[in-house]
N, C-alpha and C. Protein backbone atom coordinates (compact mmCIF):
# COMPACT_ATOMS: atom_id res chain seq x y z
N UNK A 1 9.70 -7.09 11.40
CA UNK A 1 10.54 -8.43 11.95
C UNK A 1 12.00 -7.89 11.60
N UNK A 2 12.41 -8.99 12.10
CA UNK A 2 14.25 -8.91 12.16
C UNK A 2 14.42 -9.53 10.23
N UNK A 3 15.82 -9.66 10.08
CA UNK A 3 16.51 -9.90 8.92
C UNK A 3 16.68 -11.35 9.18
N UNK A 4 16.75 -12.38 8.24
CA UNK A 4 16.52 -13.13 8.54
C UNK A 4 18.28 -13.88 8.29
N UNK A 5 18.89 -14.73 8.60
CA UNK A 5 20.69 -15.10 7.84
C UNK A 5 19.55 -16.18 6.94
N UNK A 6 21.08 -15.96 6.10
CA UNK A 6 20.79 -16.53 4.44
C UNK A 6 21.32 -18.60 5.15
N UNK A 7 22.23 -18.92 6.02
CA UNK A 7 21.97 -19.79 5.47
C UNK A 7 23.19 -20.49 5.02
N UNK A 8 24.27 -19.22 4.85
CA UNK A 8 25.18 -19.59 3.45
C UNK A 8 25.87 -19.90 5.00
N UNK A 9 26.94 -21.26 4.91
CA UNK A 9 28.04 -21.25 6.14
C UNK A 9 29.48 -21.51 5.06
N UNK A 10 29.43 -21.29 4.32
CA UNK A 10 31.09 -20.97 3.54
C UNK A 10 31.12 -19.74 3.61
N UNK A 11 32.20 -18.45 3.52
CA UNK A 11 33.47 -17.62 2.86
C UNK A 11 33.55 -17.91 1.82
N UNK A 12 33.25 -17.04 0.46
CA UNK A 12 33.77 -16.99 -0.82
C UNK A 12 33.81 -15.86 -1.14
N UNK A 13 33.92 -14.99 -0.20
CA UNK A 13 34.53 -13.21 -0.16
C UNK A 13 34.51 -12.70 0.75
N UNK A 14 35.75 -11.92 1.11
CA UNK A 14 35.73 -11.25 2.11
C UNK A 14 34.38 -10.45 2.54
N UNK A 15 34.17 -10.25 3.56
CA UNK A 15 32.65 -9.58 4.37
C UNK A 15 31.73 -9.66 3.33
N UNK A 16 30.83 -11.86 3.10
CA UNK A 16 30.03 -12.12 2.75
C UNK A 16 29.43 -12.23 3.70
N UNK A 17 27.60 -12.70 3.65
CA UNK A 17 26.90 -13.52 4.71
C UNK A 17 27.64 -14.27 5.27
N UNK A 18 29.14 -15.02 5.27
CA UNK A 18 28.95 -16.46 6.23
C UNK A 18 30.26 -15.67 6.99
N UNK A 19 31.17 -14.33 6.89
CA UNK A 19 31.76 -13.39 7.96
C UNK A 19 30.43 -12.87 8.42
N UNK A 20 29.76 -12.31 8.28
CA UNK A 20 28.99 -11.54 8.70
C UNK A 20 28.78 -12.41 9.73
N UNK A 21 27.46 -13.14 10.25
CA UNK A 21 26.19 -13.82 10.45
C UNK A 21 25.34 -13.54 11.13
N UNK A 22 24.89 -12.06 10.39
CA UNK A 22 24.33 -11.51 10.75
C UNK A 22 23.11 -11.79 10.90
N UNK A 23 22.07 -11.42 11.58
CA UNK A 23 20.63 -11.88 11.77
C UNK A 23 19.49 -13.05 12.39
N UNK A 24 18.29 -12.89 12.22
CA UNK A 24 17.88 -14.48 12.94
C UNK A 24 17.35 -15.54 12.54
N UNK A 25 18.49 -17.22 13.39
CA UNK A 25 17.94 -18.12 12.94
C UNK A 25 16.36 -18.18 12.31
N UNK A 26 16.30 -18.45 11.01
CA UNK A 26 15.14 -19.08 10.63
C UNK A 26 14.73 -20.35 11.60
N UNK A 27 13.03 -20.02 12.46
CA UNK A 27 12.25 -20.48 13.40
C UNK A 27 10.85 -20.86 11.60
N UNK A 28 10.99 -22.16 11.76
CA UNK A 28 9.76 -22.90 11.29
C UNK A 28 9.44 -23.78 12.58
N UNK A 29 7.84 -24.42 12.06
CA UNK A 29 6.94 -25.18 12.94
C UNK A 29 5.88 -25.26 11.81
N UNK A 30 6.28 -26.40 12.52
CA UNK A 30 5.24 -27.69 11.23
C UNK A 30 3.90 -28.23 12.17
N UNK A 31 3.07 -28.29 10.43
CA UNK A 31 1.69 -28.40 11.53
C UNK A 31 1.43 -29.40 9.48
N UNK A 32 0.96 -30.54 10.13
CA UNK A 32 0.57 -31.28 9.18
C UNK A 32 1.04 -30.79 7.47
N UNK A 33 0.86 -30.52 6.91
CA UNK A 33 0.82 -29.82 5.25
C UNK A 33 1.44 -28.57 5.10
N UNK A 34 2.09 -28.19 6.36
CA UNK A 34 2.02 -26.69 6.32
C UNK A 34 2.99 -26.34 7.62
N UNK A 35 3.85 -24.88 6.96
CA UNK A 35 4.94 -24.89 7.49
C UNK A 35 4.61 -23.39 8.07
N UNK A 36 4.83 -22.91 8.91
CA UNK A 36 4.76 -21.49 9.70
C UNK A 36 6.10 -21.02 9.68
N UNK A 37 6.72 -19.86 9.42
CA UNK A 37 7.88 -19.12 9.73
C UNK A 37 7.50 -18.04 11.12
N UNK A 38 8.44 -18.83 11.72
CA UNK A 38 7.74 -18.08 13.33
C UNK A 38 8.18 -16.34 13.09
N UNK A 39 9.13 -15.71 11.99
CA UNK A 39 9.50 -15.00 11.65
C UNK A 39 8.86 -13.58 10.83
N UNK A 40 8.34 -14.42 9.91
CA UNK A 40 7.38 -13.95 9.54
C UNK A 40 5.46 -13.45 9.40
N UNK A 41 5.12 -14.82 10.25
CA UNK A 41 4.29 -15.53 10.38
C UNK A 41 3.90 -16.05 8.77
N UNK A 42 4.06 -16.23 7.88
CA UNK A 42 4.04 -16.66 6.68
C UNK A 42 3.26 -18.16 6.73
N UNK A 43 2.29 -18.20 6.30
CA UNK A 43 2.02 -20.07 6.30
C UNK A 43 2.26 -20.60 5.27
N UNK A 44 2.73 -22.07 4.89
CA UNK A 44 3.65 -22.06 3.47
C UNK A 44 2.41 -23.60 3.65
N UNK A 45 2.19 -23.83 2.18
CA UNK A 45 1.49 -24.89 1.27
C UNK A 45 3.05 -25.95 1.23
N UNK A 46 2.89 -27.26 1.95
CA UNK A 46 4.17 -28.05 2.17
C UNK A 46 3.95 -29.17 1.91
N UNK A 47 2.99 -29.64 0.67
CA UNK A 47 2.25 -31.00 1.14
C UNK A 47 3.00 -31.43 -0.44
N UNK A 48 2.59 -32.89 -0.23
CA UNK A 48 2.73 -33.42 -1.37
C UNK A 48 2.97 -33.29 -2.70
N UNK A 49 1.73 -32.26 -3.42
CA UNK A 49 1.62 -31.68 -4.26
C UNK A 49 2.58 -30.74 -4.68
N UNK A 50 3.94 -30.04 -3.33
CA UNK A 50 3.92 -29.30 -4.39
C UNK A 50 5.80 -29.60 -4.99
N UNK A 51 5.67 -31.06 -4.96
CA UNK A 51 6.45 -31.53 -5.96
C UNK A 51 6.39 -31.74 -7.23
N UNK A 52 4.76 -31.48 -7.40
CA UNK A 52 4.46 -32.37 -8.73
C UNK A 52 3.70 -31.40 -9.44
N UNK A 53 3.41 -30.32 -9.06
CA UNK A 53 1.73 -29.36 -9.41
C UNK A 53 3.04 -29.10 -10.40
N UNK A 54 2.93 -28.35 -11.23
CA UNK A 54 3.14 -27.30 -12.79
C UNK A 54 1.68 -26.26 -12.98
N UNK A 55 2.79 -24.89 -13.07
CA UNK A 55 1.19 -24.23 -13.58
C UNK A 55 1.99 -22.92 -14.86
N UNK A 56 1.41 -22.66 -15.69
CA UNK A 56 2.12 -22.11 -16.39
C UNK A 56 1.38 -20.20 -15.76
N UNK A 57 2.52 -19.20 -15.59
CA UNK A 57 1.90 -17.80 -15.23
C UNK A 57 0.58 -17.35 -15.85
N UNK A 58 0.59 -16.93 -17.41
CA UNK A 58 -0.51 -17.13 -18.02
C UNK A 58 -0.92 -18.49 -18.60
N UNK A 59 -1.80 -18.28 -19.05
CA UNK A 59 -2.71 -19.00 -19.96
C UNK A 59 -1.51 -18.63 -20.94
N UNK A 60 -2.06 -20.02 -21.86
CA UNK A 60 -1.52 -20.01 -23.38
C UNK A 60 -2.33 -18.98 -23.96
N UNK A 61 -3.40 -18.78 -24.19
CA UNK A 61 -3.92 -17.85 -24.75
C UNK A 61 -3.28 -15.88 -24.44
N UNK A 62 -3.87 -16.40 -22.86
CA UNK A 62 -3.41 -15.08 -22.70
C UNK A 62 -1.44 -13.74 -22.47
N UNK A 63 -1.13 -15.51 -22.19
CA UNK A 63 0.18 -14.82 -23.40
C UNK A 63 0.60 -14.51 -24.60
N UNK A 64 -0.41 -15.11 -25.47
CA UNK A 64 0.14 -15.29 -26.36
C UNK A 64 -0.68 -13.54 -26.79
N UNK A 65 -1.59 -13.63 -26.61
CA UNK A 65 -2.17 -12.10 -26.67
C UNK A 65 -0.56 -11.12 -26.05
N UNK A 66 -0.57 -10.90 -24.89
CA UNK A 66 0.68 -10.46 -24.76
C UNK A 66 1.91 -10.72 -25.17
N UNK A 67 1.98 -11.14 -25.49
CA UNK A 67 3.39 -10.85 -26.82
C UNK A 67 3.14 -10.39 -28.15
N UNK A 68 1.65 -10.31 -28.28
CA UNK A 68 1.58 -9.30 -29.09
C UNK A 68 1.46 -7.63 -28.72
N UNK A 69 1.03 -7.57 -27.22
CA UNK A 69 0.63 -6.07 -26.31
C UNK A 69 1.17 -5.90 -25.60
N UNK A 70 2.11 -6.32 -25.03
CA UNK A 70 2.56 -5.72 -24.17
C UNK A 70 1.70 -5.07 -22.62
N UNK A 71 0.32 -4.46 -23.39
CA UNK A 71 -0.86 -3.44 -22.37
C UNK A 71 -0.93 -4.21 -21.40
N UNK A 72 -0.80 -3.44 -20.20
CA UNK A 72 -0.60 -3.85 -18.46
C UNK A 72 -2.25 -5.40 -18.47
N UNK A 73 -3.25 -5.35 -18.97
CA UNK A 73 -4.51 -6.26 -19.04
C UNK A 73 -4.16 -7.43 -19.44
N UNK A 74 -3.30 -7.63 -20.68
CA UNK A 74 -3.33 -9.23 -21.24
C UNK A 74 -2.21 -10.05 -20.37
N UNK A 75 -1.03 -8.69 -19.76
CA UNK A 75 0.39 -9.41 -18.65
C UNK A 75 0.12 -9.69 -18.45
N UNK A 76 -0.99 -9.34 -16.86
CA UNK A 76 -1.70 -9.80 -15.84
C UNK A 76 -2.63 -10.37 -16.00
N UNK A 77 -3.37 -10.97 -16.26
CA UNK A 77 -4.47 -11.37 -16.63
C UNK A 77 -4.73 -13.13 -15.68
N UNK A 78 -4.59 -13.19 -15.13
CA UNK A 78 -4.01 -14.78 -14.11
C UNK A 78 -4.74 -15.50 -13.77
N UNK A 79 -6.57 -15.57 -14.59
CA UNK A 79 -7.53 -16.43 -15.07
C UNK A 79 -6.97 -17.19 -15.91
N UNK A 80 -7.92 -18.13 -15.12
CA UNK A 80 -7.91 -19.91 -16.06
C UNK A 80 -6.85 -20.78 -15.29
N UNK A 81 -6.18 -21.89 -16.11
CA UNK A 81 -5.78 -22.63 -15.69
C UNK A 81 -3.52 -22.17 -15.37
N UNK A 82 -3.70 -21.45 -14.47
CA UNK A 82 -2.46 -20.41 -13.98
C UNK A 82 -1.96 -20.78 -12.22
N UNK A 83 -1.23 -20.96 -12.13
CA UNK A 83 -0.47 -21.12 -10.88
C UNK A 83 -1.39 -19.61 -9.38
N UNK A 84 -1.26 -18.63 -10.13
CA UNK A 84 -2.33 -17.95 -9.01
C UNK A 84 -3.37 -18.70 -9.10
N UNK A 85 -4.06 -18.41 -9.68
CA UNK A 85 -5.80 -19.72 -9.84
C UNK A 85 -5.22 -20.95 -8.66
N UNK A 86 -4.34 -21.51 -9.14
CA UNK A 86 -4.29 -22.79 -8.34
C UNK A 86 -4.51 -22.66 -7.08
N UNK A 87 -3.30 -21.34 -6.72
CA UNK A 87 -2.80 -20.98 -5.12
C UNK A 87 -4.96 -20.37 -4.03
N UNK A 88 -5.24 -19.75 -5.48
CA UNK A 88 -6.69 -19.18 -5.02
C UNK A 88 -7.73 -19.97 -4.98
N UNK A 89 -7.44 -21.31 -5.28
CA UNK A 89 -8.41 -22.36 -5.06
C UNK A 89 -7.73 -23.66 -4.57
N UNK A 90 -6.70 -23.27 -3.60
CA UNK A 90 -6.65 -24.23 -3.12
C UNK A 90 -7.15 -23.98 -1.13
N UNK A 91 -7.64 -24.89 -1.23
CA UNK A 91 -8.38 -25.07 0.69
C UNK A 91 -6.97 -26.43 1.12
N UNK A 92 -5.86 -25.87 2.12
CA UNK A 92 -5.43 -27.20 2.86
C UNK A 92 -5.11 -26.09 4.13
N UNK A 93 -5.75 -27.72 5.20
CA UNK A 93 -5.55 -26.60 6.85
C UNK A 93 -7.18 -25.38 7.41
N UNK A 94 -8.04 -26.55 6.17
CA UNK A 94 -9.19 -25.18 6.65
C UNK A 94 -9.05 -23.97 5.61
N UNK A 95 -8.04 -23.78 5.66
CA UNK A 95 -7.84 -22.12 4.85
C UNK A 95 -8.18 -22.59 3.40
N UNK A 96 -8.39 -20.85 3.23
CA UNK A 96 -8.93 -20.99 2.02
C UNK A 96 -8.08 -19.49 1.31
N UNK A 97 -7.55 -19.37 1.99
CA UNK A 97 -7.59 -17.88 1.43
C UNK A 97 -5.69 -17.48 1.04
N UNK A 98 -4.69 -18.68 0.21
CA UNK A 98 -4.13 -19.09 -0.09
C UNK A 98 -3.88 -18.40 -1.69
N UNK A 99 -2.26 -17.94 -1.79
CA UNK A 99 -2.18 -17.12 -2.56
C UNK A 99 -0.67 -17.59 -2.98
N UNK A 100 -0.13 -16.91 -4.29
CA UNK A 100 0.97 -17.02 -4.78
C UNK A 100 1.95 -16.13 -4.52
N UNK A 101 3.28 -16.79 -3.77
CA UNK A 101 3.98 -15.50 -2.94
C UNK A 101 4.37 -14.32 -3.85
N UNK A 102 4.73 -13.79 -3.74
CA UNK A 102 5.76 -12.67 -3.93
C UNK A 102 7.49 -13.33 -4.23
N UNK A 103 8.08 -12.26 -4.61
CA UNK A 103 9.69 -12.80 -4.98
C UNK A 103 10.04 -12.68 -3.80
N UNK A 104 9.77 -11.59 -3.00
CA UNK A 104 10.40 -11.34 -2.08
C UNK A 104 10.51 -12.31 -0.66
N UNK A 105 8.98 -12.88 -0.80
CA UNK A 105 8.53 -13.85 0.38
C UNK A 105 9.09 -15.27 -0.05
N UNK A 106 9.10 -15.45 -1.65
CA UNK A 106 9.83 -16.90 -1.79
C UNK A 106 11.29 -17.23 -1.49
N UNK A 107 11.83 -15.70 -2.08
CA UNK A 107 13.21 -15.76 -1.35
C UNK A 107 13.36 -16.03 -0.40
N UNK A 108 12.64 -15.82 0.68
CA UNK A 108 12.82 -14.94 2.28
C UNK A 108 13.17 -16.83 3.12
N UNK A 109 12.24 -18.24 2.50
CA UNK A 109 12.33 -19.41 2.22
C UNK A 109 13.58 -20.31 2.17
N UNK A 110 14.47 -19.75 0.78
CA UNK A 110 15.58 -19.98 0.83
C UNK A 110 16.63 -20.10 1.59
N UNK A 111 17.54 -21.48 2.09
CA UNK A 111 18.50 -21.71 2.89
C UNK A 111 19.74 -21.57 1.90
N UNK A 112 20.83 -21.08 1.99
CA UNK A 112 22.00 -21.15 1.28
C UNK A 112 22.74 -21.76 1.67
N UNK A 113 22.59 -22.28 3.07
CA UNK A 113 23.84 -23.32 2.64
C UNK A 113 23.06 -25.03 2.40
N UNK A 114 22.38 -24.75 2.09
CA UNK A 114 22.16 -26.23 1.58
C UNK A 114 22.02 -25.94 0.18
N UNK A 115 21.32 -26.81 -0.80
CA UNK A 115 21.17 -26.74 -2.27
C UNK A 115 20.88 -27.96 -2.75
N UNK A 116 20.33 -28.31 -4.02
CA UNK A 116 19.19 -29.46 -4.28
C UNK A 116 18.24 -30.51 -3.24
N UNK A 117 17.41 -29.54 -2.31
CA UNK A 117 17.21 -28.36 -2.37
C UNK A 117 17.69 -27.52 -1.81
N UNK A 118 17.65 -25.76 -1.84
CA UNK A 118 18.57 -24.97 -0.92
C UNK A 118 17.11 -24.02 -0.25
N UNK A 119 16.65 -25.67 0.62
CA UNK A 119 15.90 -25.14 1.53
C UNK A 119 15.72 -25.95 2.66
N UNK A 120 15.56 -25.44 4.15
CA UNK A 120 15.45 -26.49 5.17
C UNK A 120 14.68 -27.45 5.49
N UNK A 121 15.39 -28.16 4.81
CA UNK A 121 14.24 -29.83 4.37
C UNK A 121 13.84 -30.33 5.78
N UNK A 122 14.51 -29.85 6.81
CA UNK A 122 13.72 -30.57 8.39
C UNK A 122 12.54 -30.13 8.01
N UNK A 123 12.43 -28.53 7.43
CA UNK A 123 10.85 -28.37 7.61
C UNK A 123 9.64 -28.61 6.91
N UNK A 124 10.18 -27.61 5.45
CA UNK A 124 9.65 -28.04 4.97
C UNK A 124 10.46 -29.58 3.51
N UNK A 125 8.96 -30.43 4.17
CA UNK A 125 9.67 -31.75 3.70
C UNK A 125 9.37 -32.73 1.84
N UNK A 126 8.50 -31.35 1.71
CA UNK A 126 8.23 -31.28 -0.26
C UNK A 126 9.13 -30.23 -1.16
N UNK A 127 10.15 -30.19 -1.71
CA UNK A 127 10.95 -29.27 -2.48
C UNK A 127 10.92 -29.78 -3.64
N UNK A 128 11.18 -29.71 -4.60
CA UNK A 128 11.74 -30.12 -5.86
C UNK A 128 12.74 -28.93 -5.86
N UNK A 129 13.48 -29.36 -6.35
CA UNK A 129 14.88 -28.42 -7.21
C UNK A 129 14.80 -27.91 -8.13
N UNK A 130 13.91 -27.21 -7.83
CA UNK A 130 12.86 -26.93 -9.84
C UNK A 130 12.56 -25.76 -9.53
N UNK A 131 12.38 -24.79 -10.61
CA UNK A 131 11.79 -23.28 -9.93
C UNK A 131 10.13 -23.17 -9.78
N UNK A 132 10.33 -22.70 -8.70
CA UNK A 132 9.20 -21.88 -8.63
C UNK A 132 8.34 -20.67 -8.17
N UNK A 133 7.23 -20.06 -8.83
CA UNK A 133 7.10 -19.03 -9.16
C UNK A 133 6.15 -18.14 -8.34
N UNK A 134 6.77 -16.47 -8.50
CA UNK A 134 6.23 -15.79 -7.88
C UNK A 134 5.21 -14.88 -8.19
N UNK A 135 4.62 -14.33 -7.30
CA UNK A 135 3.38 -13.32 -8.15
C UNK A 135 4.32 -12.40 -9.21
N UNK A 136 5.82 -12.05 -8.42
CA UNK A 136 5.84 -10.79 -9.07
C UNK A 136 6.28 -10.88 -10.86
N UNK A 137 5.59 -9.53 -11.22
CA UNK A 137 6.54 -9.28 -12.75
C UNK A 137 7.54 -8.91 -12.70
N UNK A 138 7.99 -9.15 -14.12
CA UNK A 138 9.95 -9.00 -14.15
C UNK A 138 9.62 -7.57 -14.53
N UNK A 139 10.61 -6.24 -14.07
CA UNK A 139 10.51 -5.36 -14.68
C UNK A 139 11.20 -4.95 -15.71
N UNK A 140 11.52 -5.79 -16.41
CA UNK A 140 12.64 -5.31 -17.70
C UNK A 140 11.39 -6.20 -18.94
N UNK A 141 10.49 -6.58 -18.49
CA UNK A 141 9.10 -6.74 -19.82
C UNK A 141 8.08 -7.75 -18.90
N UNK A 142 6.81 -6.76 -19.50
CA UNK A 142 5.96 -7.13 -18.68
C UNK A 142 5.77 -8.82 -18.94
N UNK A 143 6.09 -9.69 -20.36
CA UNK A 143 5.55 -11.19 -20.18
C UNK A 143 6.70 -12.32 -19.57
N UNK A 144 7.26 -11.60 -18.83
CA UNK A 144 8.20 -12.89 -17.87
C UNK A 144 8.02 -12.19 -16.43
N UNK A 145 7.82 -13.18 -15.69
CA UNK A 145 7.65 -13.42 -14.40
C UNK A 145 9.20 -13.32 -13.38
N UNK A 146 9.08 -13.26 -11.97
CA UNK A 146 10.21 -13.72 -10.58
C UNK A 146 9.58 -14.75 -10.30
N UNK A 147 10.82 -15.87 -10.16
CA UNK A 147 10.59 -17.51 -9.64
C UNK A 147 11.90 -17.91 -8.91
N UNK A 148 11.73 -18.61 -8.09
CA UNK A 148 13.27 -19.31 -7.43
C UNK A 148 13.57 -20.63 -8.11
N UNK A 149 14.63 -20.54 -7.99
CA UNK A 149 15.16 -22.06 -8.14
C UNK A 149 15.39 -22.88 -6.79
N UNK A 150 15.02 -23.97 -6.57
CA UNK A 150 15.43 -24.16 -5.59
C UNK A 150 16.27 -24.76 -5.47
N UNK A 151 17.23 -25.41 -6.60
CA UNK A 151 18.21 -26.30 -6.40
C UNK A 151 19.30 -25.41 -6.48
N UNK A 152 19.29 -24.01 -6.71
CA UNK A 152 20.40 -23.37 -6.16
C UNK A 152 20.29 -22.29 -4.90
N UNK A 153 19.23 -22.13 -5.27
CA UNK A 153 18.50 -20.82 -4.40
C UNK A 153 18.52 -19.38 -5.04
N UNK A 154 18.87 -19.34 -6.47
CA UNK A 154 18.57 -18.32 -6.70
C UNK A 154 17.77 -17.83 -7.74
N UNK A 155 17.34 -16.81 -8.14
CA UNK A 155 16.59 -15.69 -8.58
C UNK A 155 16.16 -15.38 -9.49
N UNK A 156 15.49 -16.09 -10.66
CA UNK A 156 16.00 -15.44 -11.91
C UNK A 156 14.26 -15.43 -12.76
N UNK A 157 14.57 -15.15 -14.04
CA UNK A 157 13.11 -14.42 -14.31
C UNK A 157 12.66 -15.59 -15.81
N UNK A 158 11.76 -15.51 -16.39
CA UNK A 158 11.07 -16.65 -17.19
C UNK A 158 9.68 -16.44 -17.53
N UNK A 159 9.38 -16.69 -18.71
CA UNK A 159 8.89 -16.62 -20.14
C UNK A 159 7.10 -16.53 -19.46
N UNK A 160 5.96 -15.48 -19.15
CA UNK A 160 4.97 -16.27 -18.52
C UNK A 160 3.97 -17.51 -19.29
N UNK A 161 4.64 -18.05 -20.70
CA UNK A 161 3.76 -19.03 -20.33
C UNK A 161 4.33 -20.55 -20.45
N UNK A 162 5.50 -20.31 -20.10
CA UNK A 162 6.49 -21.19 -19.39
C UNK A 162 6.05 -22.11 -18.18
N UNK A 163 6.64 -23.34 -18.12
CA UNK A 163 5.87 -24.14 -16.58
C UNK A 163 6.50 -24.08 -15.12
N UNK A 164 5.83 -23.81 -13.99
CA UNK A 164 6.54 -23.61 -12.89
C UNK A 164 6.58 -24.44 -12.10
N UNK A 165 6.75 -24.92 -11.25
CA UNK A 165 6.81 -25.31 -10.23
C UNK A 165 5.65 -24.35 -8.74
N UNK A 166 4.30 -24.91 -8.12
CA UNK A 166 3.87 -24.13 -6.97
C UNK A 166 3.76 -23.89 -6.12
N UNK A 167 4.38 -23.19 -4.84
CA UNK A 167 3.78 -23.60 -3.75
C UNK A 167 3.17 -22.21 -3.19
N UNK A 168 2.15 -22.35 -2.64
CA UNK A 168 1.38 -21.33 -2.26
C UNK A 168 1.91 -21.22 -0.86
N UNK A 169 1.37 -19.52 -0.69
CA UNK A 169 1.21 -18.71 0.69
C UNK A 169 0.45 -18.61 1.29
N UNK A 170 -0.54 -18.04 2.99
CA UNK A 170 -1.44 -17.58 3.02
C UNK A 170 -0.86 -16.28 4.38
N UNK A 171 -0.89 -15.35 4.59
CA UNK A 171 -0.36 -14.10 5.24
C UNK A 171 -0.28 -13.34 4.83
N UNK A 172 0.50 -11.96 5.44
CA UNK A 172 1.12 -11.54 4.90
C UNK A 172 1.18 -9.97 4.35
N UNK A 173 2.02 -9.86 3.73
CA UNK A 173 1.61 -8.62 2.43
C UNK A 173 0.68 -6.99 3.53
């Protein structure tokens, strides 16, 4: 698959994304509450719930265990009322194979030519200008995971015990 343009429209430094304008223009199709990325073939949840549902990455119980013992099982057990479980339980458009996106997948729908929210709002009609969880654990500490802040489009990490918004995806990987 080809690399998508970032959407950056202002030149901030010599030879940045705006200067080069490389890549393929993103193409999305919308059917009901699902947006399909025609370049990656990922299907994205885009119903009204995307702007209101927040979940923890880990349950409070698992997060507390993870804080005391950063062993692999506790810090990656997403069972219970979590973002990953929310996605795996989602039925949307007759599809039941939804999952929490990786940080790379989630960053792939950012449009750096926009802010608040930093996304193509013609296609993605439901996006809060807040952070959305990815399924990717932060390499610097297993008690943290990556998220994308759709106010600016930046990628950060946060405590797996905190609340974040959820946008599920299907396909890919």
